[in-house]
Amino acid sequence: MDSGLQRFQPGETITIREVLNGKVWTVRPVIVAQDTTDQLVSYLAPGTLIDYPVGVEHGEKCFAMWLSGDWELCKKTLLPPGMLRIAPHGKPFEVFARLGKKAVCCLGTLTSSGHFGELLRASTQWTRPSTS
């Protein structure tokens, strides 16, 4: 079913902003691989400059930062390998694959319909960079 929304084009660079409780968690320019009625697939290339929380670690410290809202962003260069992101539209999860000799996949709840999403009022925003 087509929602009538304008789709991103393969090869187009867009910006993904992850927002938790109204505060930006990350900002990443990515390249669109596919945008269909079912999913948005994007690629984050190694060497890309991203905005990322200072001192974030996965696990307890990350959850504590989410719950407290206490973090600042800094510029960070994404190290190899790149990352493929598959975001099924309307689903409470996304799949990330670190690309390299071995692909490692993990699931992350980043939308407002997910368990942590409900608690944190999380959202992911996809936008085209401004032309100004």
Foldseek 3Di string as FASTA:
>chain_A
DDPPDDWDDAQAWKWKFKAWLRHTAKIAIWGWHDTDLFKTKTKGQFQGKMWHWPPDDPDPSNVVCLLVVDTDIDIDTHHDDIKMKIGTPPDQWIWIWHDDPDTDIDIDGADCVDPVCVVGVMHMDIGHDDPD
